[in-house]
């Protein structure tokens, strides 16, 4: 669940970076590797635990997804996959989280998590362009 959730988060961030004209290949925290969008990996760190980990925890603790909701590998090297209904449950829960409102910890503005991601990408763009002095990560307390 974590791996799938991180992949969905990664591509949400990746598209936001591309839409703002930022080069997702050049990051600050993750090492540059051929074909790896390091900046997307950097930016998703702020949202990994507060979005994806929170959704996985909730689904597991509440019994909404159980081990029976997965197809397990039959031979070494194969992956473990969601059964179709479980994937739908997971995506629905993740979308609900993306769309849930919070007060942005830096600005205090009421935004959903997806708009917070967009705000952080815009903020990074402004720092790179010299409009904002310092980058302030989104940290919930």
N, C-alpha and C. Protein backbone atom coordinates (compact mmCIF):
# COMPACT_ATOMS: atom_id res chain seq x y z
N UNK A 1 0.83 -1.19 0.00
CA UNK A 1 0.00 0.00 0.00
C UNK A 1 0.87 1.25 0.00
N UNK A 2 1.94 1.22 0.81
CA UNK A 2 2.82 2.39 0.86
C UNK A 2 3.44 2.65 -0.51
N UNK A 3 3.97 1.62 -1.13
CA UNK A 3 4.63 1.78 -2.42
C UNK A 3 3.68 2.35 -3.47
N UNK A 4 2.48 1.82 -3.54
CA UNK A 4 1.49 2.30 -4.51
C UNK A 4 1.10 3.75 -4.19
N UNK A 5 0.87 4.04 -2.91
CA UNK A 5 0.52 5.40 -2.51
C UNK A 5 1.62 6.40 -2.82
N UNK A 6 2.88 6.00 -2.56
CA UNK A 6 4.01 6.88 -2.87
C UNK A 6 4.11 7.13 -4.36
N UNK A 7 3.81 6.12 -5.16
CA UNK A 7 3.86 6.28 -6.62
C UNK A 7 2.80 7.29 -7.07
N UNK A 8 1.59 7.18 -6.54
CA UNK A 8 0.54 8.12 -6.91
C UNK A 8 0.89 9.54 -6.45
N UNK A 9 1.42 9.67 -5.24
CA UNK A 9 1.85 10.98 -4.74
C UNK A 9 2.96 11.55 -5.63
N UNK A 10 3.93 10.71 -5.96
CA UNK A 10 5.06 11.13 -6.80
C UNK A 10 4.58 11.74 -8.11
N UNK A 11 3.64 11.06 -8.77
CA UNK A 11 3.18 11.57 -10.06
C UNK A 11 2.29 12.79 -9.93
N UNK A 12 1.61 12.95 -8.82
CA UNK A 12 0.88 14.20 -8.57
C UNK A 12 1.87 15.36 -8.47
N UNK A 13 2.92 15.17 -7.69
CA UNK A 13 3.95 16.21 -7.53
C UNK A 13 4.67 16.46 -8.87
N UNK A 14 5.01 15.39 -9.56
CA UNK A 14 5.70 15.51 -10.85
C UNK A 14 4.91 16.40 -11.81
N UNK A 15 3.58 16.15 -11.91
CA UNK A 15 2.79 16.98 -12.83
C UNK A 15 2.73 18.43 -12.39
N UNK A 16 2.69 18.67 -11.09
CA UNK A 16 2.68 20.06 -10.60
C UNK A 16 4.00 20.76 -10.94
N UNK A 17 5.11 20.06 -10.79
CA UNK A 17 6.41 20.64 -11.13
C UNK A 17 6.47 20.99 -12.61
N UNK A 18 6.03 20.07 -13.46
CA UNK A 18 6.05 20.31 -14.90
C UNK A 18 5.14 21.48 -15.27
N UNK A 19 3.98 21.58 -14.60
CA UNK A 19 3.05 22.66 -14.93
C UNK A 19 3.59 24.02 -14.54
N UNK A 20 4.52 24.07 -13.59
CA UNK A 20 5.14 25.33 -13.16
C UNK A 20 6.43 25.61 -13.90
N UNK A 21 6.79 24.76 -14.85
CA UNK A 21 7.99 24.99 -15.64
C UNK A 21 9.27 24.61 -14.93
N UNK A 22 9.17 23.86 -13.84
CA UNK A 22 10.38 23.42 -13.13
C UNK A 22 10.87 22.11 -13.74
N UNK A 23 12.17 21.92 -13.72
CA UNK A 23 12.77 20.69 -14.25
C UNK A 23 12.75 19.63 -13.15
N UNK A 24 11.89 18.63 -13.24
CA UNK A 24 11.79 17.63 -12.18
C UNK A 24 13.02 16.74 -12.06
N UNK A 25 13.91 16.79 -13.04
CA UNK A 25 15.11 15.94 -13.00
C UNK A 25 16.17 16.45 -12.03
N UNK A 26 16.16 17.76 -11.74
CA UNK A 26 17.21 18.36 -10.93
C UNK A 26 16.68 18.66 -9.53
N UNK A 27 17.16 17.88 -8.56
CA UNK A 27 16.69 18.04 -7.19
C UNK A 27 17.75 18.61 -6.27
N UNK A 28 17.40 18.68 -5.01
CA UNK A 28 18.29 19.21 -3.99
C UNK A 28 18.69 18.14 -2.98
N UNK A 29 17.79 17.22 -2.70
CA UNK A 29 18.02 16.21 -1.66
C UNK A 29 18.40 14.85 -2.24
N UNK A 30 17.74 14.44 -3.29
CA UNK A 30 17.99 13.13 -3.88
C UNK A 30 19.07 13.26 -4.95
N UNK A 31 19.91 12.26 -5.00
CA UNK A 31 21.02 12.27 -5.96
C UNK A 31 20.49 12.24 -7.39
N UNK A 32 21.22 12.90 -8.26
CA UNK A 32 20.86 12.89 -9.67
C UNK A 32 21.17 11.51 -10.24
N UNK A 33 20.17 10.92 -10.91
CA UNK A 33 20.32 9.64 -11.59
C UNK A 33 19.64 9.77 -12.94
N UNK A 34 20.25 9.18 -13.92
CA UNK A 34 19.69 9.22 -15.27
C UNK A 34 18.23 8.77 -15.26
N UNK A 35 17.34 9.62 -15.75
CA UNK A 35 15.94 9.27 -15.88
C UNK A 35 15.11 9.37 -14.61
N UNK A 36 15.72 9.76 -13.49
CA UNK A 36 14.95 9.86 -12.24
C UNK A 36 14.64 11.32 -11.93
N UNK A 37 13.37 11.68 -11.79
CA UNK A 37 12.98 13.05 -11.45
C UNK A 37 13.24 13.34 -9.96
N UNK A 38 14.49 13.70 -9.65
CA UNK A 38 14.92 13.89 -8.26
C UNK A 38 14.11 14.98 -7.55
N UNK A 39 13.74 16.04 -8.24
CA UNK A 39 12.98 17.12 -7.60
C UNK A 39 11.60 16.64 -7.18
N UNK A 40 10.99 15.77 -7.96
CA UNK A 40 9.70 15.20 -7.58
C UNK A 40 9.86 14.37 -6.31
N UNK A 41 10.94 13.62 -6.22
CA UNK A 41 11.21 12.85 -4.99
C UNK A 41 11.44 13.78 -3.81
N UNK A 42 12.17 14.87 -4.04
CA UNK A 42 12.40 15.86 -2.97
C UNK A 42 11.09 16.43 -2.44
N UNK A 43 10.26 16.90 -3.36
CA UNK A 43 9.03 17.58 -2.98
C UNK A 43 8.01 16.66 -2.32
N UNK A 44 8.02 15.39 -2.68
CA UNK A 44 7.04 14.48 -2.09
C UNK A 44 7.35 14.15 -0.64
N UNK A 45 8.58 14.38 -0.20
CA UNK A 45 8.95 14.07 1.18
C UNK A 45 8.07 14.81 2.19
N UNK A 46 7.67 16.02 1.85
CA UNK A 46 6.83 16.81 2.76
C UNK A 46 5.45 16.19 2.94
N UNK A 47 5.02 15.37 2.01
CA UNK A 47 3.65 14.86 2.01
C UNK A 47 3.54 13.36 2.24
N UNK A 48 4.67 12.68 2.23
CA UNK A 48 4.68 11.22 2.37
C UNK A 48 3.94 10.76 3.62
N UNK A 49 4.37 11.24 4.76
CA UNK A 49 3.78 10.74 6.01
C UNK A 49 2.40 11.33 6.30
N UNK A 50 2.21 12.60 5.97
CA UNK A 50 0.93 13.23 6.33
C UNK A 50 -0.21 12.85 5.40
N UNK A 51 0.12 12.33 4.23
CA UNK A 51 -0.93 11.91 3.30
C UNK A 51 -0.94 10.38 3.16
N UNK A 52 0.08 9.82 2.54
CA UNK A 52 0.07 8.40 2.22
C UNK A 52 0.13 7.53 3.47
N UNK A 53 1.09 7.78 4.34
CA UNK A 53 1.22 6.95 5.54
C UNK A 53 -0.06 7.02 6.38
N UNK A 54 -0.65 8.20 6.46
CA UNK A 54 -1.88 8.37 7.24
C UNK A 54 -3.03 7.55 6.64
N UNK A 55 -3.13 7.52 5.32
CA UNK A 55 -4.18 6.75 4.66
C UNK A 55 -3.96 5.25 4.89
N UNK A 56 -2.74 4.79 4.70
CA UNK A 56 -2.44 3.37 4.89
C UNK A 56 -2.74 2.96 6.33
N UNK A 57 -2.30 3.76 7.27
CA UNK A 57 -2.54 3.48 8.69
C UNK A 57 -4.04 3.36 8.97
N UNK A 58 -4.80 4.33 8.48
CA UNK A 58 -6.24 4.34 8.72
C UNK A 58 -6.92 3.10 8.12
N UNK A 59 -6.57 2.76 6.89
CA UNK A 59 -7.17 1.61 6.23
C UNK A 59 -6.83 0.30 6.95
N UNK A 60 -5.60 0.20 7.42
CA UNK A 60 -5.17 -1.03 8.12
C UNK A 60 -5.79 -1.13 9.51
N UNK A 61 -5.71 -0.06 10.28
CA UNK A 61 -6.22 -0.08 11.65
C UNK A 61 -7.73 -0.28 11.69
N UNK A 62 -8.44 0.33 10.76
CA UNK A 62 -9.89 0.21 10.73
C UNK A 62 -10.38 -1.06 10.03
N UNK A 63 -9.44 -1.87 9.55
CA UNK A 63 -9.80 -3.13 8.90
C UNK A 63 -10.48 -2.96 7.55
N UNK A 64 -10.33 -1.77 6.95
CA UNK A 64 -10.93 -1.54 5.63
C UNK A 64 -10.21 -2.33 4.54
N UNK A 65 -8.92 -2.56 4.74
CA UNK A 65 -8.15 -3.45 3.86
C UNK A 65 -7.43 -4.45 4.75
N UNK A 66 -7.49 -5.71 4.36
CA UNK A 66 -6.88 -6.79 5.14
C UNK A 66 -5.98 -7.61 4.22
N UNK A 67 -5.21 -8.54 4.76
CA UNK A 67 -4.36 -9.37 3.90
C UNK A 67 -5.13 -10.11 2.80
N UNK A 68 -6.40 -10.37 3.01
CA UNK A 68 -7.21 -11.05 1.99
C UNK A 68 -7.48 -10.17 0.77
N UNK A 69 -7.19 -8.89 0.86
CA UNK A 69 -7.44 -7.96 -0.24
C UNK A 69 -6.28 -7.87 -1.23
N UNK A 70 -5.32 -8.79 -1.11
CA UNK A 70 -4.13 -8.74 -1.96
C UNK A 70 -3.88 -10.09 -2.61
N UNK A 71 -3.28 -10.04 -3.80
CA UNK A 71 -2.79 -11.25 -4.47
C UNK A 71 -1.30 -11.31 -4.22
N UNK A 72 -0.87 -12.42 -3.66
CA UNK A 72 0.54 -12.57 -3.25
C UNK A 72 1.34 -13.29 -4.33
N UNK A 73 2.65 -13.05 -4.36
CA UNK A 73 3.49 -13.67 -5.39
C UNK A 73 3.51 -15.20 -5.24
N UNK A 74 3.53 -15.85 -6.38
CA UNK A 74 3.60 -17.31 -6.39
C UNK A 74 5.05 -17.79 -6.51
N UNK A 75 5.89 -16.93 -7.07
CA UNK A 75 7.31 -17.26 -7.20
C UNK A 75 8.14 -16.04 -6.80
N UNK A 76 9.39 -16.29 -6.48
CA UNK A 76 10.29 -15.20 -6.08
C UNK A 76 10.40 -14.17 -7.20
N UNK A 77 10.44 -12.92 -6.81
CA UNK A 77 10.59 -11.83 -7.77
C UNK A 77 9.29 -11.24 -8.26
N UNK A 78 8.17 -11.90 -7.99
CA UNK A 78 6.88 -11.34 -8.38
C UNK A 78 6.41 -10.38 -7.30
N UNK A 79 5.53 -9.49 -7.66
CA UNK A 79 5.03 -8.50 -6.72
C UNK A 79 3.75 -8.94 -6.03
N UNK A 80 3.40 -8.18 -5.01
CA UNK A 80 2.14 -8.33 -4.30
C UNK A 80 1.22 -7.23 -4.84
N UNK A 81 0.00 -7.60 -5.22
CA UNK A 81 -0.88 -6.63 -5.87
C UNK A 81 -2.24 -6.55 -5.17
N UNK A 82 -2.83 -5.35 -5.26
CA UNK A 82 -4.19 -5.17 -4.79
C UNK A 82 -5.14 -6.01 -5.63
N UNK A 83 -6.17 -6.56 -5.02
CA UNK A 83 -7.28 -7.09 -5.78
C UNK A 83 -8.06 -5.86 -6.26
N UNK A 84 -8.81 -5.97 -7.36
CA UNK A 84 -9.46 -4.78 -7.94
C UNK A 84 -10.29 -3.96 -6.95
N UNK A 85 -11.11 -4.61 -6.14
CA UNK A 85 -11.94 -3.86 -5.19
C UNK A 85 -11.08 -3.15 -4.14
N UNK A 86 -9.97 -3.75 -3.77
CA UNK A 86 -9.08 -3.14 -2.77
C UNK A 86 -8.38 -1.91 -3.35
N UNK A 87 -7.98 -2.00 -4.62
CA UNK A 87 -7.35 -0.84 -5.27
C UNK A 87 -8.33 0.33 -5.31
N UNK A 88 -9.58 0.04 -5.61
CA UNK A 88 -10.61 1.09 -5.62
C UNK A 88 -10.77 1.70 -4.23
N UNK A 89 -10.80 0.87 -3.21
CA UNK A 89 -10.91 1.35 -1.83
C UNK A 89 -9.73 2.25 -1.49
N UNK A 90 -8.53 1.81 -1.87
CA UNK A 90 -7.32 2.58 -1.57
C UNK A 90 -7.33 3.92 -2.29
N UNK A 91 -7.62 3.91 -3.58
CA UNK A 91 -7.62 5.16 -4.36
C UNK A 91 -8.68 6.12 -3.83
N UNK A 92 -9.84 5.60 -3.49
CA UNK A 92 -10.90 6.46 -2.94
C UNK A 92 -10.44 7.11 -1.63
N UNK A 93 -9.82 6.34 -0.75
CA UNK A 93 -9.33 6.88 0.52
C UNK A 93 -8.22 7.91 0.29
N UNK A 94 -7.33 7.64 -0.65
CA UNK A 94 -6.26 8.58 -0.95
C UNK A 94 -6.81 9.88 -1.54
N UNK A 95 -7.77 9.77 -2.44
CA UNK A 95 -8.39 10.97 -3.02
C UNK A 95 -9.12 11.78 -1.95
N UNK A 96 -9.79 11.09 -1.04
CA UNK A 96 -10.46 11.81 0.06
C UNK A 96 -9.44 12.58 0.89
N UNK A 97 -8.29 11.97 1.12
CA UNK A 97 -7.23 12.65 1.89
C UNK A 97 -6.70 13.84 1.11
N UNK A 98 -6.40 13.64 -0.19
CA UNK A 98 -5.93 14.75 -1.03
C UNK A 98 -6.90 15.92 -0.99
N UNK A 99 -8.18 15.63 -0.91
CA UNK A 99 -9.22 16.67 -0.98
C UNK A 99 -9.68 17.17 0.39
N UNK A 100 -9.09 16.66 1.46
CA UNK A 100 -9.51 17.11 2.79
C UNK A 100 -8.81 18.42 3.16
N UNK A 101 -9.56 19.28 3.81
CA UNK A 101 -9.07 20.63 4.12
C UNK A 101 -8.24 20.66 5.39
N UNK A 102 -7.19 21.46 5.34
CA UNK A 102 -6.36 21.75 6.52
C UNK A 102 -5.96 23.22 6.44
N UNK A 103 -5.43 23.73 7.53
CA UNK A 103 -4.84 25.08 7.51
C UNK A 103 -3.38 24.91 7.14
N UNK A 104 -2.95 25.54 6.05
CA UNK A 104 -1.55 25.45 5.66
C UNK A 104 -0.70 25.98 6.82
N UNK A 105 0.30 25.21 7.26
CA UNK A 105 1.06 25.59 8.46
C UNK A 105 1.89 26.87 8.32
N UNK A 106 2.21 27.28 7.12
CA UNK A 106 2.99 28.51 6.93
C UNK A 106 2.08 29.72 6.76
N UNK A 107 1.05 29.58 5.93
CA UNK A 107 0.20 30.73 5.62
C UNK A 107 -1.06 30.80 6.47
N UNK A 108 -1.48 29.65 7.02
CA UNK A 108 -2.73 29.60 7.78
C UNK A 108 -3.96 29.53 6.89
N UNK A 109 -3.77 29.56 5.58
CA UNK A 109 -4.86 29.51 4.63
C UNK A 109 -5.50 28.12 4.62
N UNK A 110 -6.82 28.06 4.55
CA UNK A 110 -7.52 26.78 4.45
C UNK A 110 -7.37 26.25 3.02
N UNK A 111 -6.70 25.13 2.90
CA UNK A 111 -6.47 24.49 1.61
C UNK A 111 -6.64 22.98 1.77
N UNK A 112 -6.90 22.29 0.67
CA UNK A 112 -6.84 20.84 0.75
C UNK A 112 -5.38 20.43 0.48
N UNK A 113 -5.07 19.16 0.73
CA UNK A 113 -3.68 18.71 0.58
C UNK A 113 -3.17 18.88 -0.84
N UNK A 114 -4.03 18.68 -1.82
CA UNK A 114 -3.58 18.85 -3.21
C UNK A 114 -3.21 20.30 -3.47
N UNK A 115 -3.99 21.25 -2.95
CA UNK A 115 -3.65 22.67 -3.11
C UNK A 115 -2.39 23.02 -2.31
N UNK A 116 -2.18 22.34 -1.18
CA UNK A 116 -0.95 22.55 -0.42
C UNK A 116 0.27 22.11 -1.24
N UNK A 117 0.13 20.99 -1.94
CA UNK A 117 1.23 20.54 -2.81
C UNK A 117 1.49 21.59 -3.89
N UNK A 118 0.42 22.09 -4.47
CA UNK A 118 0.54 23.12 -5.51
C UNK A 118 1.20 24.38 -4.94
N UNK A 119 0.78 24.77 -3.74
CA UNK A 119 1.36 25.95 -3.09
C UNK A 119 2.87 25.74 -2.87
N UNK A 120 3.26 24.56 -2.39
CA UNK A 120 4.68 24.31 -2.11
C UNK A 120 5.50 24.35 -3.39
N UNK A 121 4.97 23.82 -4.47
CA UNK A 121 5.68 23.87 -5.75
C UNK A 121 5.81 25.32 -6.22
N UNK A 122 4.75 26.09 -6.10
CA UNK A 122 4.80 27.51 -6.46
C UNK A 122 5.81 28.25 -5.58
N UNK A 123 5.80 27.95 -4.31
CA UNK A 123 6.73 28.59 -3.37
C UNK A 123 8.18 28.26 -3.75
N UNK A 124 8.46 27.00 -4.08
CA UNK A 124 9.81 26.62 -4.51
C UNK A 124 10.20 27.39 -5.77
N UNK A 125 9.27 27.50 -6.70
CA UNK A 125 9.52 28.24 -7.93
C UNK A 125 9.89 29.69 -7.62
N UNK A 126 9.19 30.29 -6.66
CA UNK A 126 9.48 31.67 -6.29
C UNK A 126 10.83 31.81 -5.60
N UNK A 127 11.22 30.82 -4.82
CA UNK A 127 12.54 30.84 -4.18
C UNK A 127 13.62 30.75 -5.24
N UNK A 128 13.46 29.83 -6.18
CA UNK A 128 14.44 29.66 -7.26
C UNK A 128 14.57 30.94 -8.08
N UNK A 129 13.47 31.63 -8.29
CA UNK A 129 13.49 32.87 -9.09
C UNK A 129 13.90 34.10 -8.27
N UNK A 130 14.13 33.91 -6.97
CA UNK A 130 14.57 35.02 -6.13
C UNK A 130 13.44 35.89 -5.61
N UNK A 131 12.19 35.48 -5.78
CA UNK A 131 11.05 36.26 -5.31
C UNK A 131 10.87 36.06 -3.81
N UNK A 132 10.95 34.80 -3.35
CA UNK A 132 10.93 34.49 -1.91
C UNK A 132 12.36 34.21 -1.48
N UNK A 133 12.70 34.61 -0.26
CA UNK A 133 14.08 34.47 0.20
C UNK A 133 14.43 33.03 0.57
N UNK A 134 13.61 32.38 1.37
CA UNK A 134 13.92 31.05 1.87
C UNK A 134 12.75 30.11 1.64
N UNK A 135 13.07 28.87 1.39
CA UNK A 135 12.03 27.86 1.22
C UNK A 135 11.56 27.40 2.60
N UNK A 136 10.26 27.42 2.81
CA UNK A 136 9.67 26.94 4.05
C UNK A 136 8.89 25.67 3.75
N UNK A 137 9.41 24.56 4.25
CA UNK A 137 8.74 23.28 4.04
C UNK A 137 7.42 23.23 4.79
N UNK A 138 6.52 22.43 4.28
CA UNK A 138 5.24 22.24 4.94
C UNK A 138 5.41 21.17 6.02
N UNK A 139 5.39 21.62 7.25
CA UNK A 139 5.57 20.72 8.39
C UNK A 139 4.38 20.87 9.32
N UNK A 140 3.66 19.78 9.57
CA UNK A 140 2.55 19.82 10.50
C UNK A 140 3.06 19.47 11.88
N UNK A 141 2.52 20.12 12.87
CA UNK A 141 2.96 19.86 14.24
C UNK A 141 1.92 19.09 14.98
